[in-house]
Amino acid sequence: MTDEQIIELAKQLGFQRMRIDHDYYVCFSKEIVEFAKLVAQHEREACANIVELNADACRSDGVAQMILYSNAAAIRARGQRTPEGGEA
């Protein structure tokens, strides 16, 4: 992610810029947690997309392709909630 993308995510979550001439942002602890989860989600998706591109380059219906698609699904599943309320 670029610096600009990271700052845009922070703004979407309510981080408030304090001064126009400096890049100071204020947020609450809940916003920090949500921000970390959102960044992790974006990174997981980027990783899963790379794995899927590798799968697409494999022989169709081959074992390697099936494993790579399964790996991409596992990467995405890391962000799903568990019954205990945490992330998988």
N, C-alpha and C. Protein backbone atom coordinates (compact mmCIF):
# COMPACT_ATOMS: atom_id res chain seq x y z
N MET A 1 0.84 -1.17 0.00
CA MET A 1 0.00 0.00 0.00
C MET A 1 0.89 1.25 0.00
N THR A 2 0.42 2.25 -0.68
CA THR A 2 1.16 3.51 -0.69
C THR A 2 0.83 4.31 0.57
N ASP A 3 1.66 5.29 0.87
CA ASP A 3 1.39 6.17 2.02
C ASP A 3 0.04 6.85 1.86
N GLU A 4 -0.27 7.27 0.64
CA GLU A 4 -1.53 7.96 0.38
C GLU A 4 -2.72 7.05 0.65
N GLN A 5 -2.61 5.77 0.26
CA GLN A 5 -3.69 4.82 0.50
C GLN A 5 -3.89 4.59 2.00
N ILE A 6 -2.80 4.50 2.73
CA ILE A 6 -2.88 4.29 4.17
C ILE A 6 -3.56 5.49 4.85
N ILE A 7 -3.16 6.68 4.47
CA ILE A 7 -3.76 7.89 5.05
C ILE A 7 -5.24 7.98 4.70
N GLU A 8 -5.59 7.61 3.47
CA GLU A 8 -7.00 7.63 3.07
C GLU A 8 -7.82 6.66 3.91
N LEU A 9 -7.29 5.47 4.18
CA LEU A 9 -7.99 4.51 5.05
C LEU A 9 -8.19 5.09 6.45
N ALA A 10 -7.17 5.75 6.96
CA ALA A 10 -7.28 6.36 8.29
C ALA A 10 -8.37 7.42 8.32
N LYS A 11 -8.42 8.23 7.28
CA LYS A 11 -9.47 9.27 7.21
C LYS A 11 -10.85 8.64 7.14
N GLN A 12 -10.99 7.55 6.39
CA GLN A 12 -12.29 6.88 6.28
C GLN A 12 -12.77 6.37 7.64
N LEU A 13 -11.84 6.05 8.51
CA LEU A 13 -12.20 5.53 9.83
C LEU A 13 -12.37 6.62 10.88
N GLY A 14 -12.19 7.87 10.47
CA GLY A 14 -12.46 8.96 11.39
C GLY A 14 -11.25 9.62 12.02
N PHE A 15 -10.05 9.26 11.59
CA PHE A 15 -8.87 9.96 12.11
C PHE A 15 -8.99 11.43 11.71
N GLN A 16 -8.77 12.32 12.65
CA GLN A 16 -8.95 13.75 12.41
C GLN A 16 -7.60 14.44 12.28
N ARG A 17 -7.44 15.17 11.20
CA ARG A 17 -6.22 15.95 11.00
C ARG A 17 -6.30 17.18 11.90
N MET A 18 -5.23 17.43 12.64
CA MET A 18 -5.26 18.50 13.63
C MET A 18 -4.73 19.83 13.10
N ARG A 19 -3.77 19.80 12.23
CA ARG A 19 -3.19 21.05 11.74
C ARG A 19 -3.00 20.94 10.24
N ILE A 20 -3.27 22.00 9.56
CA ILE A 20 -3.14 22.02 8.11
C ILE A 20 -1.68 21.98 7.68
N ASP A 21 -0.80 22.64 8.43
CA ASP A 21 0.60 22.73 8.01
C ASP A 21 1.44 21.51 8.42
N HIS A 22 0.87 20.59 9.21
CA HIS A 22 1.58 19.37 9.60
C HIS A 22 0.62 18.20 9.45
N ASP A 23 1.18 17.04 9.35
CA ASP A 23 0.35 15.84 9.21
C ASP A 23 0.14 15.15 10.56
N TYR A 24 -0.53 15.82 11.47
CA TYR A 24 -0.87 15.23 12.75
C TYR A 24 -2.32 14.75 12.70
N TYR A 25 -2.52 13.51 13.13
CA TYR A 25 -3.87 12.96 13.17
C TYR A 25 -4.16 12.49 14.58
N VAL A 26 -5.41 12.64 15.00
CA VAL A 26 -5.84 12.21 16.32
C VAL A 26 -6.90 11.13 16.12
N CYS A 27 -6.82 10.09 16.95
CA CYS A 27 -7.81 9.03 16.87
C CYS A 27 -7.96 8.38 18.25
N PHE A 28 -8.96 7.55 18.38
CA PHE A 28 -9.21 6.81 19.59
C PHE A 28 -8.72 5.37 19.42
N SER A 29 -8.55 4.67 20.52
CA SER A 29 -8.01 3.31 20.45
C SER A 29 -8.88 2.40 19.58
N LYS A 30 -10.19 2.58 19.62
CA LYS A 30 -11.08 1.75 18.78
C LYS A 30 -10.76 1.98 17.31
N GLU A 31 -10.49 3.22 16.94
CA GLU A 31 -10.15 3.54 15.55
C GLU A 31 -8.81 2.91 15.14
N ILE A 32 -7.88 2.85 16.08
CA ILE A 32 -6.59 2.23 15.78
C ILE A 32 -6.78 0.75 15.48
N VAL A 33 -7.59 0.08 16.28
CA VAL A 33 -7.86 -1.35 16.07
C VAL A 33 -8.54 -1.56 14.72
N GLU A 34 -9.56 -0.77 14.42
CA GLU A 34 -10.26 -0.90 13.14
C GLU A 34 -9.32 -0.60 11.97
N PHE A 35 -8.45 0.38 12.14
CA PHE A 35 -7.48 0.72 11.11
C PHE A 35 -6.54 -0.45 10.84
N ALA A 36 -6.02 -1.06 11.90
CA ALA A 36 -5.12 -2.21 11.74
C ALA A 36 -5.82 -3.36 11.02
N LYS A 37 -7.08 -3.60 11.36
CA LYS A 37 -7.84 -4.66 10.70
C LYS A 37 -8.05 -4.36 9.22
N LEU A 38 -8.34 -3.10 8.91
CA LEU A 38 -8.57 -2.72 7.52
C LEU A 38 -7.30 -2.84 6.69
N VAL A 39 -6.18 -2.41 7.24
CA VAL A 39 -4.90 -2.54 6.53
C VAL A 39 -4.58 -4.02 6.31
N ALA A 40 -4.78 -4.84 7.34
CA ALA A 40 -4.53 -6.28 7.21
C ALA A 40 -5.42 -6.89 6.13
N GLN A 41 -6.67 -6.47 6.08
CA GLN A 41 -7.60 -6.97 5.07
C GLN A 41 -7.10 -6.64 3.67
N HIS A 42 -6.66 -5.42 3.48
CA HIS A 42 -6.15 -5.01 2.16
C HIS A 42 -4.91 -5.81 1.79
N GLU A 43 -4.03 -6.04 2.73
CA GLU A 43 -2.81 -6.79 2.47
C GLU A 43 -3.12 -8.26 2.17
N ARG A 44 -4.06 -8.85 2.93
CA ARG A 44 -4.46 -10.24 2.65
C ARG A 44 -5.01 -10.37 1.25
N GLU A 45 -5.86 -9.42 0.86
CA GLU A 45 -6.45 -9.49 -0.48
C GLU A 45 -5.38 -9.36 -1.56
N ALA A 46 -4.41 -8.47 -1.34
CA ALA A 46 -3.32 -8.32 -2.31
C ALA A 46 -2.52 -9.62 -2.43
N CYS A 47 -2.24 -10.25 -1.31
CA CYS A 47 -1.51 -11.53 -1.33
C CYS A 47 -2.32 -12.62 -2.02
N ALA A 48 -3.60 -12.71 -1.70
CA ALA A 48 -4.46 -13.72 -2.31
C ALA A 48 -4.54 -13.52 -3.82
N ASN A 49 -4.58 -12.28 -4.26
CA ASN A 49 -4.63 -12.01 -5.71
C ASN A 49 -3.36 -12.48 -6.40
N ILE A 50 -2.21 -12.31 -5.76
CA ILE A 50 -0.95 -12.78 -6.36
C ILE A 50 -0.95 -14.30 -6.46
N VAL A 51 -1.41 -14.96 -5.40
CA VAL A 51 -1.48 -16.42 -5.41
C VAL A 51 -2.42 -16.90 -6.52
N GLU A 52 -3.55 -16.22 -6.70
CA GLU A 52 -4.48 -16.60 -7.76
C GLU A 52 -3.89 -16.38 -9.15
N LEU A 53 -3.11 -15.33 -9.32
CA LEU A 53 -2.43 -15.12 -10.61
C LEU A 53 -1.47 -16.27 -10.89
N ASN A 54 -0.76 -16.74 -9.87
CA ASN A 54 0.11 -17.90 -10.05
C ASN A 54 -0.71 -19.15 -10.38
N ALA A 55 -1.86 -19.30 -9.74
CA ALA A 55 -2.73 -20.45 -10.04
C ALA A 55 -3.21 -20.40 -11.48
N ASP A 56 -3.56 -19.20 -11.94
CA ASP A 56 -4.03 -19.05 -13.31
C ASP A 56 -2.95 -19.43 -14.32
N ALA A 57 -1.69 -19.30 -13.93
CA ALA A 57 -0.58 -19.63 -14.83
C ALA A 57 -0.29 -21.13 -14.87
N CYS A 58 -0.87 -21.87 -13.95
CA CYS A 58 -0.64 -23.32 -13.89
C CYS A 58 -1.55 -24.04 -14.90
N ARG A 59 -1.20 -25.31 -15.10
CA ARG A 59 -2.02 -26.16 -15.97
C ARG A 59 -3.41 -26.28 -15.38
N SER A 60 -4.42 -26.08 -16.23
CA SER A 60 -5.80 -26.12 -15.79
C SER A 60 -6.11 -27.48 -15.18
N ASP A 61 -6.79 -27.46 -14.04
CA ASP A 61 -7.19 -28.67 -13.31
C ASP A 61 -6.01 -29.46 -12.77
N GLY A 62 -4.82 -28.85 -12.72
CA GLY A 62 -3.66 -29.52 -12.15
C GLY A 62 -3.65 -29.41 -10.64
N VAL A 63 -2.84 -30.25 -10.02
CA VAL A 63 -2.75 -30.26 -8.56
C VAL A 63 -2.21 -28.93 -8.06
N ALA A 64 -1.18 -28.40 -8.70
CA ALA A 64 -0.60 -27.13 -8.26
C ALA A 64 -1.64 -26.02 -8.30
N GLN A 65 -2.45 -25.99 -9.36
CA GLN A 65 -3.47 -24.96 -9.47
C GLN A 65 -4.48 -25.08 -8.33
N MET A 66 -4.92 -26.29 -8.03
CA MET A 66 -5.88 -26.49 -6.95
C MET A 66 -5.29 -26.06 -5.61
N ILE A 67 -4.03 -26.38 -5.38
CA ILE A 67 -3.37 -26.00 -4.12
C ILE A 67 -3.28 -24.47 -4.02
N LEU A 68 -2.90 -23.82 -5.11
CA LEU A 68 -2.78 -22.36 -5.07
C LEU A 68 -4.12 -21.69 -4.85
N TYR A 69 -5.18 -22.16 -5.50
CA TYR A 69 -6.50 -21.58 -5.25
C TYR A 69 -6.92 -21.80 -3.79
N SER A 70 -6.59 -22.97 -3.26
CA SER A 70 -6.89 -23.25 -1.86
C SER A 70 -6.10 -22.32 -0.94
N ASN A 71 -4.84 -22.06 -1.30
CA ASN A 71 -4.02 -21.13 -0.50
C ASN A 71 -4.61 -19.73 -0.53
N ALA A 72 -5.08 -19.28 -1.68
CA ALA A 72 -5.69 -17.95 -1.79
C ALA A 72 -6.93 -17.86 -0.90
N ALA A 73 -7.73 -18.91 -0.91
CA ALA A 73 -8.93 -18.93 -0.06
C ALA A 73 -8.54 -18.92 1.43
N ALA A 74 -7.47 -19.62 1.78
CA ALA A 74 -7.02 -19.65 3.17
C ALA A 74 -6.51 -18.28 3.61
N ILE A 75 -5.84 -17.58 2.72
CA ILE A 75 -5.36 -16.23 3.04
C ILE A 75 -6.55 -15.32 3.32
N ARG A 76 -7.56 -15.37 2.47
CA ARG A 76 -8.75 -14.54 2.67
C ARG A 76 -9.49 -14.92 3.95
N ALA A 77 -9.51 -16.20 4.27
CA ALA A 77 -10.23 -16.67 5.45
C ALA A 77 -9.58 -16.20 6.75
N ARG A 78 -8.33 -15.80 6.69
CA ARG A 78 -7.65 -15.32 7.90
C ARG A 78 -8.37 -14.12 8.51
N GLY A 79 -9.13 -13.40 7.72
CA GLY A 79 -9.83 -12.23 8.24
C GLY A 79 -11.23 -12.50 8.73
N GLN A 80 -11.68 -13.74 8.63
CA GLN A 80 -13.03 -14.08 9.05
C GLN A 80 -13.09 -14.23 10.56
N ARG A 81 -14.22 -13.89 11.14
CA ARG A 81 -14.42 -14.00 12.59
C ARG A 81 -14.58 -15.46 13.00
N THR A 82 -14.02 -15.79 14.15
CA THR A 82 -14.22 -17.11 14.73
C THR A 82 -15.39 -17.02 15.72
N PRO A 83 -15.93 -18.16 16.15
CA PRO A 83 -17.04 -18.13 17.12
C PRO A 83 -16.66 -17.39 18.41
N GLU A 84 -15.37 -17.36 18.75
CA GLU A 84 -14.93 -16.69 19.96
C GLU A 84 -14.82 -15.18 19.79
N GLY A 85 -15.02 -14.68 18.54
CA GLY A 85 -14.98 -13.25 18.29
C GLY A 85 -13.65 -12.75 17.77
N GLY A 86 -12.65 -13.61 17.72
CA GLY A 86 -11.34 -13.21 17.19
C GLY A 86 -11.28 -13.45 15.69
N GLU A 87 -10.10 -13.26 15.14
CA GLU A 87 -9.91 -13.53 13.72
C GLU A 87 -9.26 -14.89 13.56
N ALA A 88 -9.59 -15.56 12.47
CA ALA A 88 -9.01 -16.86 12.18
C ALA A 88 -7.56 -16.72 11.79
